[in-house]
Amino acid sequence: MPRTVIGLCALVMFFITPSVQADPVVITGGQFFVDGLNASPHYVITGLDFSVNASGGDPGNTPNCLPCVSGTPISISSFLVGTSLGSGSATINGITFNNIGFLGEFSFAVQNVVLPVLPDGLIGVQFEVPFFFTGNIRGCLPSNVVCTTEVFSTTQLVGQGIAKAAFAFSHNENGVSIFNFTSVRYDFRPVPEPLTVALLASGLAGLGIKLRSRRKIR
């Protein structure tokens, strides 16, 4: 009986350990923001043994309606890819890298909002909507344009929080209000336990598939 238990534990560790290493870094704090229609993004994101402080690049596919019309669904989701992630510093597992470029993808998924009709004289409106984040990032030298040295390899990221999008009121025209996009900010919040449970469940499911495959081979 003891040999069976030891053997099972060894088998579980053999299959689960690679999955744990491949799990994404959960972003639990920080923010990502774009202040202006064509402004560069700025962000500070943190997780367990992980942080990045960066700016620059281009705004990517961030909210860019011009003009933004009331009564029409407006996307406040964002998608940035490649050099859009800019440059800055990163700390991973206690090691800090300064003046490096970042490559990868950031995706902020947010439900659409609908701008209201406003009376003349008001400044604008702001929305606060939950978002879900997925992405990946890697560090490069001397820059993200010419990546001759990979400082750290691709790291998968997940997270969630509250998106805050602001629109400046311009004027009313033919019964609708016209707005201009002002800024969007994604504030990260700690991820609740269900996500951890989901990741564990997916790992256990993979373990079950591998065990069944071994039984068939025998």
Protein backbone atom coordinates (compact mmCIF):
# COMPACT_ATOMS: atom_id res chain seq x y z
CA MET A 1 0.00 0.00 0.00
CA PRO A 2 2.73 2.54 0.85
CA ARG A 3 4.43 1.84 -2.49
CA THR A 4 1.16 2.52 -4.31
CA VAL A 5 0.72 5.83 -2.51
CA ILE A 6 4.31 6.89 -3.15
CA GLY A 7 4.03 5.90 -6.80
CA LEU A 8 0.78 7.85 -7.23
CA CYS A 9 2.27 10.96 -5.57
CA ALA A 10 5.31 10.78 -7.83
CA LEU A 11 3.07 10.44 -10.89
CA VAL A 12 0.95 13.41 -9.85
CA MET A 13 4.04 15.58 -9.29
CA PHE A 14 5.46 14.50 -12.65
CA PHE A 15 2.38 15.61 -14.57
CA ILE A 16 1.26 18.62 -12.50
CA THR A 17 4.62 20.38 -12.07
CA PRO A 18 5.00 21.34 -15.78
CA SER A 19 1.44 22.69 -15.76
CA VAL A 20 2.14 24.84 -12.71
CA GLN A 21 5.22 26.30 -14.36
CA ALA A 22 3.18 27.12 -17.45
CA ASP A 23 0.40 28.85 -15.50
CA PRO A 24 0.00 32.55 -16.33
CA VAL A 25 1.04 35.29 -13.94
CA VAL A 26 -2.07 36.74 -12.29
CA ILE A 27 -1.97 40.56 -12.30
CA THR A 28 -3.40 41.68 -8.97
CA GLY A 29 -2.49 45.37 -8.88
CA GLY A 30 -1.54 48.42 -10.88
CA GLN A 31 -3.14 50.20 -13.81
CA PHE A 32 -2.90 50.76 -17.54
CA PHE A 33 -4.06 54.06 -19.02
CA VAL A 34 -4.18 56.08 -22.22
CA ASP A 35 -4.81 59.78 -21.71
CA GLY A 36 -5.89 61.28 -25.04
CA LEU A 37 -6.91 60.12 -28.48
CA ASN A 38 -3.40 59.53 -29.83
CA ALA A 39 -1.46 59.37 -26.56
CA SER A 40 1.08 56.71 -25.64
CA PRO A 41 0.04 54.14 -23.03
CA HIS A 42 1.46 54.16 -19.53
CA TYR A 43 1.20 51.23 -17.16
CA VAL A 44 2.36 49.70 -13.93
CA ILE A 45 1.25 46.10 -13.41
CA THR A 46 2.13 43.79 -10.53
CA GLY A 47 1.67 40.15 -9.59
CA LEU A 48 3.46 37.49 -7.57
CA ASP A 49 7.22 38.04 -8.06
CA PHE A 50 6.39 40.14 -11.12
CA SER A 51 6.11 43.85 -11.96
CA VAL A 52 6.43 46.03 -15.05
CA ASN A 53 6.60 49.83 -15.24
CA ALA A 54 6.47 51.08 -18.81
CA SER A 55 5.35 53.79 -21.21
CA GLY A 56 5.70 54.79 -24.82
CA GLY A 57 4.68 52.92 -27.90
CA ASP A 58 1.43 53.70 -29.68
CA PRO A 59 -2.11 53.48 -28.25
CA GLY A 60 -2.96 50.45 -30.37
CA ASN A 61 -6.64 49.69 -30.70
CA THR A 62 -7.83 51.68 -27.71
CA PRO A 63 -11.19 53.55 -27.77
CA ASN A 64 -10.81 56.06 -30.59
CA CYS A 65 -14.25 57.12 -31.75
CA LEU A 66 -14.17 60.62 -33.22
CA PRO A 67 -16.80 61.76 -32.82
CA CYS A 68 -18.61 59.48 -30.36
CA VAL A 69 -22.38 59.67 -30.77
CA SER A 70 -25.01 59.10 -28.09
CA GLY A 71 -27.29 56.10 -28.48
CA THR A 72 -24.61 54.10 -30.32
CA PRO A 73 -22.69 51.24 -28.63
CA ILE A 74 -19.13 52.39 -27.97
CA SER A 75 -16.28 49.96 -27.36
CA ILE A 76 -13.97 50.70 -24.43
CA SER A 77 -12.02 47.49 -24.95
CA SER A 78 -8.36 47.76 -25.93
CA PHE A 79 -5.91 45.62 -27.85
CA LEU A 80 -2.20 46.39 -28.08
CA VAL A 81 0.38 44.33 -29.89
CA GLY A 82 4.11 44.34 -30.56
CA THR A 83 5.96 47.60 -29.88
CA SER A 84 2.75 49.20 -28.54
CA LEU A 85 3.85 47.92 -25.12
CA GLY A 86 6.64 50.52 -25.01
CA SER A 87 9.71 50.37 -22.78
CA GLY A 88 10.70 50.69 -19.14
CA SER A 89 11.67 48.37 -16.30
CA ALA A 90 10.61 44.94 -15.05
CA THR A 91 11.22 42.88 -11.94
CA ILE A 92 10.79 39.13 -12.24
CA ASN A 93 11.59 36.67 -9.44
CA GLY A 94 13.63 39.31 -7.62
CA ILE A 95 15.72 40.33 -10.63
CA THR A 96 15.26 43.89 -11.98
CA PHE A 97 15.84 44.84 -15.61
CA ASN A 98 16.03 48.55 -16.52
CA ASN A 99 15.78 50.39 -19.82
CA ILE A 100 14.40 47.48 -21.80
CA GLY A 101 11.82 47.27 -24.57
CA PHE A 102 8.68 45.17 -24.36
CA LEU A 103 6.97 43.05 -26.99
CA GLY A 104 3.76 41.06 -26.72
CA GLU A 105 0.01 41.49 -26.63
CA PHE A 106 -2.40 43.10 -24.15
CA SER A 107 -6.13 42.53 -24.49
CA PHE A 108 -8.67 44.29 -22.26
CA ALA A 109 -12.17 42.90 -22.82
CA VAL A 110 -14.96 45.22 -21.71
CA GLN A 111 -18.67 45.34 -22.52
CA ASN A 112 -19.77 48.19 -24.78
CA VAL A 113 -21.26 51.35 -23.30
CA VAL A 114 -23.93 53.68 -24.67
CA LEU A 115 -23.45 57.42 -24.35
CA PRO A 116 -26.50 59.36 -23.15
CA VAL A 117 -28.07 62.49 -24.59
CA LEU A 118 -26.90 65.40 -22.44
CA PRO A 119 -28.25 68.92 -22.04
CA ASP A 120 -25.97 71.71 -23.19
CA GLY A 121 -23.54 73.01 -20.62
CA LEU A 122 -22.37 69.69 -19.17
CA ILE A 123 -18.71 68.67 -19.34
CA GLY A 124 -18.99 64.98 -20.18
CA VAL A 125 -19.53 61.49 -18.82
CA GLN A 126 -17.47 58.70 -17.29
CA PHE A 127 -18.16 54.97 -17.21
CA GLU A 128 -16.88 52.34 -14.81
CA VAL A 129 -17.19 48.82 -16.19
CA PRO A 130 -15.54 45.49 -15.20
CA PHE A 131 -12.86 44.20 -17.56
CA PHE A 132 -11.02 40.92 -18.06
CA PHE A 133 -7.38 40.99 -19.15
CA THR A 134 -5.23 38.46 -21.01
CA GLY A 135 -1.85 38.97 -22.58
CA ASN A 136 1.80 38.14 -22.83
CA ILE A 137 5.02 40.11 -22.57
CA ARG A 138 8.75 39.64 -23.08
CA GLY A 139 11.74 41.91 -22.51
CA CYS A 140 14.29 42.92 -25.13
CA LEU A 141 17.58 44.79 -25.53
CA PRO A 142 18.54 47.22 -26.90
CA SER A 143 14.88 48.01 -27.70
CA ASN A 144 11.58 46.47 -28.75
CA VAL A 145 12.26 47.57 -32.33
CA VAL A 146 15.58 45.72 -32.57
CA CYS A 147 15.49 42.79 -30.17
CA THR A 148 19.01 41.36 -30.29
CA THR A 149 18.93 40.07 -26.71
CA GLU A 150 15.90 38.57 -24.98
CA VAL A 151 16.12 39.67 -21.34
CA PHE A 152 13.21 37.50 -20.26
CA SER A 153 11.10 35.14 -22.32
CA THR A 154 7.39 35.37 -23.06
CA THR A 155 5.30 35.48 -19.88
CA GLN A 156 1.56 34.78 -20.03
CA LEU A 157 -0.65 37.19 -18.06
CA VAL A 158 -4.25 37.26 -16.83
CA GLY A 159 -6.18 39.66 -14.62
CA GLN A 160 -9.31 41.67 -14.08
CA GLY A 161 -10.51 44.95 -12.62
CA ILE A 162 -12.48 48.09 -13.37
CA ALA A 163 -12.22 50.08 -16.61
CA LYS A 164 -12.83 53.83 -16.34
CA ALA A 165 -13.51 55.61 -19.62
CA ALA A 166 -14.15 59.35 -19.96
CA PHE A 167 -15.83 61.18 -22.84
CA ALA A 168 -15.92 64.97 -23.23
CA PHE A 169 -19.26 66.46 -24.29
CA SER A 170 -19.03 68.57 -27.44
CA HIS A 171 -22.50 69.62 -28.56
CA ASN A 172 -25.98 68.44 -29.50
CA GLU A 173 -26.90 67.92 -33.12
CA ASN A 174 -30.14 66.61 -34.64
CA GLY A 175 -31.33 65.16 -31.34
CA VAL A 176 -28.09 63.38 -30.41
CA SER A 177 -25.12 64.36 -28.26
CA ILE A 178 -21.64 64.43 -29.74
CA PHE A 179 -18.67 63.43 -27.57
CA ASN A 180 -14.91 63.08 -27.92
CA PHE A 181 -12.98 60.24 -26.31
CA THR A 182 -10.84 61.62 -23.48
CA SER A 183 -9.15 58.75 -21.64
CA VAL A 184 -9.39 55.15 -20.53
CA ARG A 185 -7.84 53.58 -17.43
CA TYR A 186 -7.86 49.93 -16.41
CA ASP A 187 -7.41 49.49 -12.65
CA PHE A 188 -6.43 45.94 -11.73
CA ARG A 189 -8.01 44.22 -8.73
CA PRO A 190 -7.13 40.95 -6.96
CA VAL A 191 -8.50 37.97 -8.86
CA PRO A 192 -11.08 35.99 -6.85
CA GLU A 193 -10.59 32.37 -5.90
CA PRO A 194 -12.77 30.89 -8.71
CA LEU A 195 -10.04 31.67 -11.27
CA THR A 196 -7.50 29.73 -9.22
CA VAL A 197 -9.97 26.86 -8.97
CA ALA A 198 -10.51 26.97 -12.74
CA LEU A 199 -6.78 26.79 -13.41
CA LEU A 200 -6.43 23.86 -11.00
CA ALA A 201 -9.40 22.10 -12.60
CA SER A 202 -7.86 22.45 -16.07
CA GLY A 203 -4.60 20.98 -14.74
CA LEU A 204 -6.39 18.03 -13.17
CA ALA A 205 -8.37 17.46 -16.37
CA GLY A 206 -5.10 17.29 -18.31
CA LEU A 207 -3.74 14.82 -15.78
CA GLY A 208 -6.81 12.61 -16.21
CA ILE A 209 -6.42 12.57 -20.00
CA LYS A 210 -2.76 11.59 -19.72
CA LEU A 211 -3.54 8.80 -17.25
CA ARG A 212 -6.28 7.41 -19.51
CA SER A 213 -3.90 7.48 -22.47
CA ARG A 214 -1.33 5.47 -20.53
CA ARG A 215 -3.91 2.87 -19.59
CA LYS A 216 -4.89 2.43 -23.25
CA ILE A 217 -1.27 1.96 -24.27
CA ARG A 218 -0.84 -0.79 -21.69
